[in-house]
Structure formats: structure tokens, C-alpha cells
PDB file of all heavy atoms in Angstrom:
ATOM      1  N   SER A   1     164.377 144.563  90.177  1.00  0.00           N
ATOM      2  CA  SER A   1     164.140 145.613  91.186  1.00  0.00           C
ATOM      3  C   SER A   1     165.331 145.736  92.128  1.00  0.00           C
ATOM      4  O   SER A   1     165.183 145.757  93.352  1.00  0.00           O
ATOM      5  CB  SER A   1     162.866 145.299  91.976  1.00  0.00           C
ATOM      6  OG  SER A   1     161.749 145.190  91.121  1.00  0.00           O
ATOM      7  N   LEU A   2     166.491 145.816  91.556  1.00  0.00           N
ATOM      8  CA  LEU A   2     167.706 145.828  92.364  1.00  0.00           C
ATOM      9  C   LEU A   2     167.806 147.074  93.233  1.00  0.00           C
ATOM     10  O   LEU A   2     167.351 148.160  92.852  1.00  0.00           O
ATOM     11  CB  LEU A   2     168.931 145.717  91.456  1.00  0.00           C
ATOM     12  CG  LEU A   2     169.189 144.300  90.949  1.00  0.00           C
ATOM     13  CD1 LEU A   2     170.091 144.323  89.728  1.00  0.00           C
ATOM     14  CD2 LEU A   2     169.797 143.440  92.045  1.00  0.00           C
ATOM     15  N   LYS A   3     168.402 146.875  94.395  1.00  0.00           N
ATOM     16  CA  LYS A   3     168.587 147.936  95.378  1.00  0.00           C
ATOM     17  C   LYS A   3     170.087 148.099  95.657  1.00  0.00           C
ATOM     18  O   LYS A   3     170.847 147.145  95.501  1.00  0.00           O
ATOM     19  CB  LYS A   3     167.871 147.579  96.676  1.00  0.00           C
ATOM     20  CG  LYS A   3     166.390 147.267  96.528  1.00  0.00           C
ATOM     21  CD  LYS A   3     165.801 146.799  97.853  1.00  0.00           C
ATOM     22  CE  LYS A   3     164.332 146.460  97.706  1.00  0.00           C
ATOM     23  NZ  LYS A   3     163.739 146.001  98.993  1.00  0.00           N
ATOM     24  N   PRO A   4     170.493 149.270  96.111  1.00  0.00           N
ATOM     25  CA  PRO A   4     171.914 149.448  96.447  1.00  0.00           C
ATOM     26  C   PRO A   4     172.421 148.414  97.440  1.00  0.00           C
ATOM     27  O   PRO A   4     173.582 147.997  97.364  1.00  0.00           O
ATOM     28  CB  PRO A   4     171.957 150.870  97.024  1.00  0.00           C
ATOM     29  CG  PRO A   4     170.839 151.576  96.332  1.00  0.00           C
ATOM     30  CD  PRO A   4     169.753 150.547  96.189  1.00  0.00           C
ATOM     31  N   GLU A   5     171.557 147.966  98.352  1.00  0.00           N
ATOM     32  CA  GLU A   5     171.984 146.973  99.340  1.00  0.00           C
ATOM     33  C   GLU A   5     172.191 145.587  98.741  1.00  0.00           C
ATOM     34  O   GLU A   5     172.662 144.678  99.429  1.00  0.00           O
ATOM     35  CB  GLU A   5     170.992 146.889 100.507  1.00  0.00           C
ATOM     36  CG  GLU A   5     169.542 146.735 100.096  1.00  0.00           C
ATOM     37  CD  GLU A   5     168.796 148.057 100.067  1.00  0.00           C
ATOM     38  OE1 GLU A   5     169.363 149.064  99.547  1.00  0.00           O
ATOM     39  OE2 GLU A   5     167.641 148.095 100.544  1.00  0.00           O
ATOM     40  N   ASP A   6     171.871 145.405  97.470  1.00  0.00           N
ATOM     41  CA  ASP A   6     172.173 144.147  96.788  1.00  0.00           C
ATOM     42  C   ASP A   6     173.617 144.118  96.274  1.00  0.00           C
ATOM     43  O   ASP A   6     174.068 143.084  95.761  1.00  0.00           O
ATOM     44  CB  ASP A   6     171.228 143.933  95.605  1.00  0.00           C
ATOM     45  CG  ASP A   6     169.789 143.729  96.037  1.00  0.00           C
ATOM     46  OD1 ASP A   6     169.560 143.012  97.024  1.00  0.00           O
ATOM     47  OD2 ASP A   6     168.896 144.316  95.386  1.00  0.00           O
ATOM     48  N   THR A   7     174.311 145.226  96.399  1.00  0.00           N
ATOM     49  CA  THR A   7     175.702 145.290  95.954  1.00  0.00           C
ATOM     50  C   THR A   7     176.558 144.294  96.726  1.00  0.00           C
ATOM     51  O   THR A   7     176.577 144.294  97.959  1.00  0.00           O
ATOM     52  CB  THR A   7     176.261 146.710  96.141  1.00  0.00           C
ATOM     53  OG1 THR A   7     175.549 147.599  95.284  1.00  0.00           O
ATOM     54  CG2 THR A   7     177.738 146.763  95.808  1.00  0.00           C
ATOM     55  N   ALA A   8     177.243 143.426  95.998  1.00  0.00           N
ATOM     56  CA  ALA A   8     178.053 142.388  96.620  1.00  0.00           C
ATOM     57  C   ALA A   8     178.761 141.583  95.525  1.00  0.00           C
ATOM     58  O   ALA A   8     178.456 141.742  94.337  1.00  0.00           O
ATOM     59  CB  ALA A   8     177.187 141.447  97.459  1.00  0.00           C
ATOM     60  N   VAL A   9     179.655 140.730  95.949  1.00  0.00           N
ATOM     61  CA  VAL A   9     180.178 139.696  95.068  1.00  0.00           C
ATOM     62  C   VAL A   9     179.243 138.496  95.192  1.00  0.00           C
ATOM     63  O   VAL A   9     178.947 138.055  96.308  1.00  0.00           O
ATOM     64  CB  VAL A   9     181.612 139.288  95.436  1.00  0.00           C
ATOM     65  CG1 VAL A   9     182.097 138.164  94.527  1.00  0.00           C
ATOM     66  CG2 VAL A   9     182.547 140.496  95.337  1.00  0.00           C
ATOM     67  N   TYR A  10     178.792 138.009  94.066  1.00  0.00           N
ATOM     68  CA  TYR A  10     177.853 136.898  94.036  1.00  0.00           C
ATOM     69  C   TYR A  10     178.592 135.629  93.618  1.00  0.00           C
ATOM     70  O   TYR A  10     179.337 135.623  92.628  1.00  0.00           O
ATOM     71  CB  TYR A  10     176.709 137.189  93.078  1.00  0.00           C
ATOM     72  CG  TYR A  10     175.709 138.153  93.655  1.00  0.00           C
ATOM     73  CD1 TYR A  10     176.006 139.508  93.780  1.00  0.00           C
ATOM     74  CD2 TYR A  10     174.463 137.707  94.100  1.00  0.00           C
ATOM     75  CE1 TYR A  10     175.101 140.396  94.339  1.00  0.00           C
ATOM     76  CE2 TYR A  10     173.540 138.597  94.652  1.00  0.00           C
ATOM     77  CZ  TYR A  10     173.865 139.926  94.774  1.00  0.00           C
ATOM     78  OH  TYR A  10     172.973 140.803  95.330  1.00  0.00           O
ATOM     79  N   TYR A  11     178.360 134.575  94.397  1.00  0.00           N
ATOM     80  CA  TYR A  11     179.001 133.285  94.165  1.00  0.00           C
ATOM     81  C   TYR A  11     177.956 132.209  93.920  1.00  0.00           C
ATOM     82  O   TYR A  11     176.926 132.189  94.590  1.00  0.00           O
ATOM     83  CB  TYR A  11     179.811 132.855  95.386  1.00  0.00           C
ATOM     84  CG  TYR A  11     180.909 133.799  95.796  1.00  0.00           C
ATOM     85  CD1 TYR A  11     180.662 134.843  96.677  1.00  0.00           C
ATOM     86  CD2 TYR A  11     182.209 133.628  95.316  1.00  0.00           C
ATOM     87  CE1 TYR A  11     181.679 135.703  97.072  1.00  0.00           C
ATOM     88  CE2 TYR A  11     183.228 134.481  95.701  1.00  0.00           C
ATOM     89  CZ  TYR A  11     182.953 135.522  96.578  1.00  0.00           C
ATOM     90  OH  TYR A  11     183.963 136.366  96.967  1.00  0.00           O
ATOM     91  N   CYS A  12     178.243 131.317  92.991  1.00  0.00           N
ATOM     92  CA  CYS A  12     177.415 130.119  92.904  1.00  0.00           C
ATOM     93  C   CYS A  12     178.172 128.967  93.549  1.00  0.00           C
ATOM     94  O   CYS A  12     179.408 128.973  93.625  1.00  0.00           O
ATOM     95  CB  CYS A  12     177.017 129.793  91.469  1.00  0.00           C
ATOM     96  SG  CYS A  12     178.334 129.208  90.419  1.00  0.00           S
ATOM     97  N   ALA A  13     177.421 127.995  94.015  1.00  0.00           N
ATOM     98  CA  ALA A  13     178.007 126.871  94.723  1.00  0.00           C
ATOM     99  C   ALA A  13     177.180 125.621  94.468  1.00  0.00           C
ATOM    100  O   ALA A  13     175.972 125.698  94.237  1.00  0.00           O
ATOM    101  CB  ALA A  13     178.075 127.164  96.224  1.00  0.00           C
ATOM    102  N   ALA A  14     177.854 124.476  94.534  1.00  0.00           N
ATOM    103  CA  ALA A  14     177.215 123.184  94.275  1.00  0.00           C
ATOM    104  C   ALA A  14     177.259 122.322  95.526  1.00  0.00           C
ATOM    105  O   ALA A  14     178.299 122.224  96.186  1.00  0.00           O
ATOM    106  CB  ALA A  14     177.919 122.476  93.117  1.00  0.00           C
ATOM    107  N   ASP A  15     176.152 121.685  95.814  1.00  0.00           N
ATOM    108  CA  ASP A  15     175.985 120.855  97.020  1.00  0.00           C
ATOM    109  C   ASP A  15     175.566 119.457  96.588  1.00  0.00           C
ATOM    110  O   ASP A  15     174.463 119.273  96.068  1.00  0.00           O
ATOM    111  CB  ASP A  15     174.933 121.502  97.921  1.00  0.00           C
ATOM    112  CG  ASP A  15     174.695 120.747  99.202  1.00  0.00           C
ATOM    113  OD1 ASP A  15     175.470 119.817  99.527  1.00  0.00           O
ATOM    114  OD2 ASP A  15     173.723 121.090  99.908  1.00  0.00           O
ATOM    115  N   ARG A  16     176.447 118.480  96.819  1.00  0.00           N
ATOM    116  CA  ARG A  16     176.119 117.095  96.453  1.00  0.00           C
ATOM    117  C   ARG A  16     175.117 116.564  97.458  1.00  0.00           C
ATOM    118  O   ARG A  16     175.419 116.380  98.622  1.00  0.00           O
ATOM    119  CB  ARG A  16     177.384 116.234  96.459  1.00  0.00           C
ATOM    120  CG  ARG A  16     177.146 114.789  96.020  1.00  0.00           C
ATOM    121  CD  ARG A  16     176.719 114.693  94.584  1.00  0.00           C
ATOM    122  NE  ARG A  16     176.690 113.302  94.119  1.00  0.00           N
ATOM    123  CZ  ARG A  16     175.611 112.529  94.173  1.00  0.00           C
ATOM    124  NH1 ARG A  16     174.489 113.004  94.668  1.00  0.00           N
ATOM    125  NH2 ARG A  16     175.686 111.292  93.737  1.00  0.00           N
ATOM    126  N   VAL A  17     173.890 116.335  97.007  1.00  0.00           N
ATOM    127  CA  VAL A  17     172.817 115.900  97.899  1.00  0.00           C
ATOM    128  C   VAL A  17     172.268 114.565  97.411  1.00  0.00           C
ATOM    129  O   VAL A  17     172.558 114.125  96.302  1.00  0.00           O
ATOM    130  CB  VAL A  17     171.693 116.944  97.978  1.00  0.00           C
ATOM    131  CG1 VAL A  17     172.204 118.235  98.607  1.00  0.00           C
ATOM    132  CG2 VAL A  17     171.114 117.226  96.592  1.00  0.00           C
ATOM    133  N   THR A  18     171.477 113.935  98.245  1.00  0.00           N
ATOM    134  CA  THR A  18     170.943 112.613  97.923  1.00  0.00           C
ATOM    135  C   THR A  18     169.450 112.625  97.645  1.00  0.00           C
ATOM    136  O   THR A  18     168.856 111.586  97.405  1.00  0.00           O
ATOM    137  CB  THR A  18     171.235 111.629  99.059  1.00  0.00           C
ATOM    138  OG1 THR A  18     170.676 112.143 100.275  1.00  0.00           O
ATOM    139  CG2 THR A  18     172.736 111.430  99.235  1.00  0.00           C
ATOM    140  N   SER A  19     168.848 113.789  97.686  1.00  0.00           N
ATOM    141  CA  SER A  19     167.422 113.898  97.424  1.00  0.00           C
ATOM    142  C   SER A  19     167.159 115.131  96.576  1.00  0.00           C
ATOM    143  O   SER A  19     167.787 116.177  96.776  1.00  0.00           O
ATOM    144  CB  SER A  19     166.647 114.013  98.733  1.00  0.00           C
ATOM    145  OG  SER A  19     165.311 114.415  98.490  1.00  0.00           O
ATOM    146  N   SER A  20     166.218 114.989  95.669  1.00  0.00           N
ATOM    147  CA  SER A  20     165.868 116.122  94.815  1.00  0.00           C
ATOM    148  C   SER A  20     165.215 117.250  95.610  1.00  0.00           C
ATOM    149  O   SER A  20     165.151 118.383  95.145  1.00  0.00           O
ATOM    150  CB  SER A  20     164.931 115.674  93.692  1.00  0.00           C
ATOM    151  OG  SER A  20     163.706 115.204  94.239  1.00  0.00           O
ATOM    152  N   ARG A  21     164.742 116.920  96.811  1.00  0.00           N
ATOM    153  CA  ARG A  21     164.051 117.937  97.615  1.00  0.00           C
ATOM    154  C   ARG A  21     164.984 118.689  98.550  1.00  0.00           C
ATOM    155  O   ARG A  21     164.586 119.668  99.171  1.00  0.00           O
ATOM    156  CB  ARG A  21     162.949 117.277  98.445  1.00  0.00           C
ATOM    157  CG  ARG A  21     161.857 116.644  97.621  1.00  0.00           C
ATOM    158  CD  ARG A  21     160.752 116.089  98.501  1.00  0.00           C
ATOM    159  NE  ARG A  21     159.674 115.488  97.706  1.00  0.00           N
ATOM    160  CZ  ARG A  21     158.588 114.954  98.234  1.00  0.00           C
ATOM    161  NH1 ARG A  21     158.414 114.934  99.543  1.00  0.00           N
ATOM    162  NH2 ARG A  21     157.666 114.427  97.463  1.00  0.00           N
ATOM    163  N   THR A  22     166.221 118.216  98.655  1.00  0.00           N
ATOM    164  CA  THR A  22     167.139 118.833  99.611  1.00  0.00           C
ATOM    165  C   THR A  22     167.689 120.148  99.077  1.00  0.00           C
ATOM    166  O   THR A  22     168.269 120.197  97.997  1.00  0.00           O
ATOM    167  CB  THR A  22     168.309 117.893  99.922  1.00  0.00           C
ATOM    168  OG1 THR A  22     167.792 116.684 100.484  1.00  0.00           O
ATOM    169  CG2 THR A  22     169.263 118.537 100.912  1.00  0.00           C
ATOM    170  N   VAL A  23     167.494 121.191  99.872  1.00  0.00           N
ATOM    171  CA  VAL A  23     168.053 122.501  99.571  1.00  0.00           C
ATOM    172  C   VAL A  23     168.605 123.031 100.886  1.00  0.00           C
ATOM    173  O   VAL A  23     167.844 123.216 101.837  1.00  0.00           O
ATOM    174  CB  VAL A  23     166.977 123.457  99.014  1.00  0.00           C
ATOM    175  CG1 VAL A  23     167.551 124.864  98.876  1.00  0.00           C
ATOM    176  CG2 VAL A  23     166.466 122.959  97.681  1.00  0.00           C
ATOM    177  N   ARG A  24     169.886 123.270 100.930  1.00  0.00           N
ATOM    178  CA  ARG A  24     170.521 123.717 102.173  1.00  0.00           C
ATOM    179  C   ARG A  24     170.979 125.159 102.038  1.00  0.00           C
ATOM    180  O   ARG A  24     171.244 125.636 100.942  1.00  0.00           O
ATOM    181  CB  ARG A  24     171.683 122.787 102.528  1.00  0.00           C
ATOM    182  CG  ARG A  24     171.180 121.376 102.800  1.00  0.00           C
ATOM    183  CD  ARG A  24     172.212 120.488 103.411  1.00  0.00           C
ATOM    184  NE  ARG A  24     173.165 119.962 102.434  1.00  0.00           N
ATOM    185  CZ  ARG A  24     173.808 118.828 102.583  1.00  0.00           C
ATOM    186  NH1 ARG A  24     173.599 118.100 103.659  1.00  0.00           N
ATOM    187  NH2 ARG A  24     174.679 118.417 101.675  1.00  0.00           N
ATOM    188  N   THR A  25     171.067 125.818 103.172  1.00  0.00           N
ATOM    189  CA  THR A  25     171.339 127.252 103.146  1.00  0.00           C
ATOM    190  C   THR A  25     172.678 127.653 103.738  1.00  0.00           C
ATOM    191  O   THR A  25     173.104 128.797 103.557  1.00  0.00           O
ATOM    192  CB  THR A  25     170.224 128.011 103.891  1.00  0.00           C
ATOM    193  OG1 THR A  25     170.193 127.566 105.252  1.00  0.00           O
ATOM    194  CG2 THR A  25     168.866 127.755 103.251  1.00  0.00           C
ATOM    195  N   GLY A  26     173.342 126.754 104.418  1.00  0.00           N
ATOM    196  CA  GLY A  26     174.616 127.109 105.045  1.00  0.00           C
ATOM    197  C   GLY A  26     175.773 126.941 104.085  1.00  0.00           C
ATOM    198  O   GLY A  26     175.876 125.933 103.382  1.00  0.00           O
ATOM    199  N   PRO A  27     176.668 127.922 104.023  1.00  0.00           N
ATOM    200  CA  PRO A  27     177.805 127.827 103.102  1.00  0.00           C
ATOM    201  C   PRO A  27     178.643 126.569 103.316  1.00  0.00           C
ATOM    202  O   PRO A  27     179.184 126.015 102.347  1.00  0.00           O
ATOM    203  CB  PRO A  27     178.624 129.088 103.408  1.00  0.00           C
ATOM    204  CG  PRO A  27     177.638 130.049 103.972  1.00  0.00           C
ATOM    205  CD  PRO A  27     176.649 129.226 104.726  1.00  0.00           C
ATOM    206  N   SER A  28     178.731 126.094 104.548  1.00  0.00           N
ATOM    207  CA  SER A  28     179.574 124.935 104.821  1.00  0.00           C
ATOM    208  C   SER A  28     179.030 123.648 104.218  1.00  0.00           C
ATOM    209  O   SER A  28     179.743 122.648 104.116  1.00  0.00           O
ATOM    210  CB  SER A  28     179.755 124.756 106.330  1.00  0.00           C
ATOM    211  OG  SER A  28     178.501 124.534 106.949  1.00  0.00           O
ATOM    212  N   SER A  29     177.782 123.663 103.796  1.00  0.00           N
ATOM    213  CA  SER A  29     177.184 122.474 103.176  1.00  0.00           C
ATOM    214  C   SER A  29     177.604 122.305 101.722  1.00  0.00           C
ATOM    215  O   SER A  29     177.438 121.228 101.159  1.00  0.00           O
ATOM    216  CB  SER A  29     175.661 122.560 103.242  1.00  0.00           C
ATOM    217  OG  SER A  29     175.207 122.582 104.580  1.00  0.00           O
ATOM    218  N   TYR A  30     178.107 123.358 101.134  1.00  0.00           N
ATOM    219  CA  TYR A  30     178.402 123.345  99.712  1.00  0.00           C
ATOM    220  C   TYR A  30     179.834 122.898  99.440  1.00  0.00           C
ATOM    221  O   TYR A  30     180.769 123.299 100.133  1.00  0.00           O
ATOM    222  CB  TYR A  30     178.117 124.727  99.115  1.00  0.00           C
ATOM    223  CG  TYR A  30     176.632 124.970  99.011  1.00  0.00           C
ATOM    224  CD1 TYR A  30     175.874 125.249 100.147  1.00  0.00           C
ATOM    225  CD2 TYR A  30     175.986 124.889  97.789  1.00  0.00           C
ATOM    226  CE1 TYR A  30     174.502 125.429 100.052  1.00  0.00           C
ATOM    227  CE2 TYR A  30     174.626 125.084  97.688  1.00  0.00           C
ATOM    228  CZ  TYR A  30     173.886 125.340  98.830  1.00  0.00           C
ATOM    229  OH  TYR A  30     172.522 125.521  98.737  1.00  0.00           O
ATOM    230  N   ASP A  31     179.959 122.072  98.411  1.00  0.00           N
ATOM    231  CA  ASP A  31     181.227 121.420  98.134  1.00  0.00           C
ATOM    232  C   ASP A  31     182.119 122.188  97.154  1.00  0.00           C
ATOM    233  O   ASP A  31     183.341 122.113  97.238  1.00  0.00           O
ATOM    234  CB  ASP A  31     180.967 120.020  97.556  1.00  0.00           C
ATOM    235  CG  ASP A  31     180.084 119.187  98.466  1.00  0.00           C
ATOM    236  OD1 ASP A  31     180.526 118.876  99.590  1.00  0.00           O
ATOM    237  OD2 ASP A  31     178.947 118.862  98.068  1.00  0.00           O
ATOM    238  N   TYR A  32     181.512 122.862  96.221  1.00  0.00           N
ATOM    239  CA  TYR A  32     182.270 123.543  95.177  1.00  0.00           C
ATOM    240  C   TYR A  32     181.764 124.977  95.027  1.00  0.00           C
ATOM    241  O   TYR A  32     180.555 125.228  95.134  1.00  0.00           O
ATOM    242  CB  TYR A  32     182.126 122.809  93.832  1.00  0.00           C
ATOM    243  CG  TYR A  32     182.588 121.366  93.894  1.00  0.00           C
ATOM    244  CD1 TYR A  32     181.657 120.339  93.986  1.00  0.00           C
ATOM    245  CD2 TYR A  32     183.940 121.053  93.877  1.00  0.00           C
ATOM    246  CE1 TYR A  32     182.070 119.012  94.064  1.00  0.00           C
ATOM    247  CE2 TYR A  32     184.350 119.741  93.949  1.00  0.00           C
ATOM    248  CZ  TYR A  32     183.420 118.725  94.038  1.00  0.00           C
ATOM    249  OH  TYR A  32     183.834 117.422  94.113  1.00  0.00           O
ATOM    250  N   TRP A  33     182.710 125.867  94.728  1.00  0.00           N
ATOM    251  CA  TRP A  33     182.401 127.289  94.625  1.00  0.00           C
ATOM    252  C   TRP A  33     183.021 127.890  93.384  1.00  0.00           C
ATOM    253  O   TRP A  33     184.113 127.476  92.959  1.00  0.00           O
ATOM    254  CB  TRP A  33     182.955 128.037  95.851  1.00  0.00           C
ATOM    255  CG  TRP A  33     182.264 127.702  97.115  1.00  0.00           C
ATOM    256  CD1 TRP A  33     182.485 126.614  97.916  1.00  0.00           C
ATOM    257  CD2 TRP A  33     181.210 128.441  97.731  1.00  0.00           C
ATOM    258  NE1 TRP A  33     181.634 126.634  99.001  1.00  0.00           N
ATOM    259  CE2 TRP A  33     180.840 127.752  98.909  1.00  0.00           C
ATOM    260  CE3 TRP A  33     180.537 129.620  97.409  1.00  0.00           C
ATOM    261  CZ2 TRP A  33     179.836 128.212  99.760  1.00  0.00           C
ATOM    262  CZ3 TRP A  33     179.551 130.076  98.253  1.00  0.00           C
ATOM    263  CH2 TRP A  33     179.203 129.373  99.423  1.00  0.00           C
ATOM    264  N   GLY A  34     182.323 128.874  92.824  1.00  0.00           N
ATOM    265  CA  GLY A  34     182.907 129.664  91.765  1.00  0.00           C
ATOM    266  C   GLY A  34     183.742 130.793  92.336  1.00  0.00           C
ATOM    267  O   GLY A  34     183.834 130.964  93.556  1.00  0.00           O
ATOM    268  N   GLN A  35     184.326 131.575  91.446  1.00  0.00           N
ATOM    269  CA  GLN A  35     185.206 132.666  91.857  1.00  0.00           C
ATOM    270  C   GLN A  35     184.442 133.935  92.206  1.00  0.00           C
ATOM    271  O   GLN A  35     184.995 134.839  92.841  1.00  0.00           O
ATOM    272  CB  GLN A  35     186.212 132.968  90.745  1.00  0.00           C
ATOM    273  CG  GLN A  35     187.203 131.842  90.528  1.00  0.00           C
ATOM    274  CD  GLN A  35     188.040 131.567  91.760  1.00  0.00           C
ATOM    275  OE1 GLN A  35     188.638 132.462  92.337  1.00  0.00           O
ATOM    276  NE2 GLN A  35     188.074 130.303  92.183  1.00  0.00           N
ATOM    277  N   GLY A  36     183.201 134.003  91.794  1.00  0.00           N
ATOM    278  CA  GLY A  36     182.386 135.163  92.131  1.00  0.00           C
ATOM    279  C   GLY A  36     182.324 136.186  91.019  1.00  0.00           C
ATOM    280  O   GLY A  36     183.236 136.284  90.191  1.00  0.00           O
ATOM    281  N   THR A  37     181.239 136.948  91.005  1.00  0.00           N
ATOM    282  CA  THR A  37     181.075 138.040  90.057  1.00  0.00           C
ATOM    283  C   THR A  37     180.501 139.238  90.802  1.00  0.00           C
ATOM    284  O   THR A  37     179.585 139.094  91.621  1.00  0.00           O
ATOM    285  CB  THR A  37     180.175 137.618  88.876  1.00  0.00           C
ATOM    286  OG1 THR A  37     180.113 138.671  87.913  1.00  0.00           O
ATOM    287  CG2 THR A  37     178.755 137.274  89.331  1.00  0.00           C
ATOM    288  N   GLN A  38     181.058 140.402  90.527  1.00  0.00           N
ATOM    289  CA  GLN A  38     180.656 141.617  91.243  1.00  0.00           C
ATOM    290  C   GLN A  38     179.372 142.189  90.653  1.00  0.00           C
ATOM    291  O   GLN A  38     179.253 142.341  89.436  1.00  0.00           O
ATOM    292  CB  GLN A  38     181.758 142.663  91.161  1.00  0.00           C
ATOM    293  CG  GLN A  38     181.409 144.003  91.791  1.00  0.00           C
ATOM    294  CD  GLN A  38     181.377 143.954  93.303  1.00  0.00           C
ATOM    295  OE1 GLN A  38     182.273 143.387  93.932  1.00  0.00           O
ATOM    296  NE2 GLN A  38     180.352 144.554  93.912  1.00  0.00           N
ATOM    297  N   VAL A  39     178.452 142.507  91.536  1.00  0.00           N
ATOM    298  CA  VAL A  39     177.247 143.243  91.151  1.00  0.00           C
ATOM    299  C   VAL A  39     177.230 144.528  91.968  1.00  0.00           C
ATOM    300  O   VAL A  39     177.275 144.483  93.202  1.00  0.00           O
ATOM    301  CB  VAL A  39     175.965 142.427  91.416  1.00  0.00           C
ATOM    302  CG1 VAL A  39     174.734 143.280  91.129  1.00  0.00           C
ATOM    303  CG2 VAL A  39     175.945 141.170  90.547  1.00  0.00           C
ATOM    304  N   THR A  40     177.179 145.650  91.286  1.00  0.00           N
ATOM    305  CA  THR A  40     177.141 146.945  91.938  1.00  0.00           C
ATOM    306  C   THR A  40     175.885 147.671  91.510  1.00  0.00           C
ATOM    307  O   THR A  40     175.652 147.855  90.313  1.00  0.00           O
ATOM    308  CB  THR A  40     178.376 147.784  91.593  1.00  0.00           C
ATOM    309  OG1 THR A  40     179.562 147.070  91.963  1.00  0.00           O
ATOM    310  CG2 THR A  40     178.345 149.112  92.326  1.00  0.00           C
ATOM    311  N   VAL A  41     175.078 148.055  92.490  1.00  0.00           N
ATOM    312  CA  VAL A  41     173.827 148.758  92.223  1.00  0.00           C
ATOM    313  C   VAL A  41     173.982 150.198  92.683  1.00  0.00           C
ATOM    314  O   VAL A  41     174.195 150.458  93.872  1.00  0.00           O
ATOM    315  CB  VAL A  41     172.647 148.081  92.938  1.00  0.00           C
ATOM    316  CG1 VAL A  41     171.336 148.770  92.545  1.00  0.00           C
ATOM    317  CG2 VAL A  41     172.589 146.597  92.606  1.00  0.00           C
ATOM    318  N   SER A  42     173.858 151.113  91.750  1.00  0.00           N
ATOM    319  CA  SER A  42     174.013 152.525  92.079  1.00  0.00           C
ATOM    320  C   SER A  42     172.654 153.146  92.378  1.00  0.00           C
ATOM    321  O   SER A  42     171.637 152.777  91.787  1.00  0.00           O
ATOM    322  CB  SER A  42     174.670 153.270  90.921  1.00  0.00           C
ATOM    323  OG  SER A  42     173.851 153.203  89.769  1.00  0.00           O
ATOM    324  N   SER A  43     172.673 154.103  93.301  1.00  0.00           N
ATOM    325  CA  SER A  43     171.406 154.742  93.685  1.00  0.00           C
ATOM    326  C   SER A  43     171.096 155.941  92.810  1.00  0.00           C
ATOM    327  O   SER A  43     171.906 156.384  92.022  1.00  0.00           O
ATOM    328  CB  SER A  43     171.473 155.170  95.150  1.00  0.00           C
ATOM    329  OG  SER A  43     172.569 156.018  95.355  1.00  0.00           O
TER     330      SER A  43
END
């Protein structure tokens, strides 16, 4: 159900954590990043 406002470069990132339950939301918490892939949603 993509929307035009979803248009962006999408990046995946890896966060070395010590618990299986830990999920962090701040970019600064992530250690490794991909180069990104463009997603463009046309109206």
C-alpha cells in the first residue's frame, strides 16, 4: 500500500546488541550501514 510520501532512499543498518529483545530506533545506535536503494512511489 505504498504512498508517494514513502518515496526515499532506504538504508539497512546493523546494530550489535547484547539481547535478543533489544531493538533501537536512533541512527546513531547502528554500527554498519548499506549504501541505500531508491524507492520512488508515483501518484
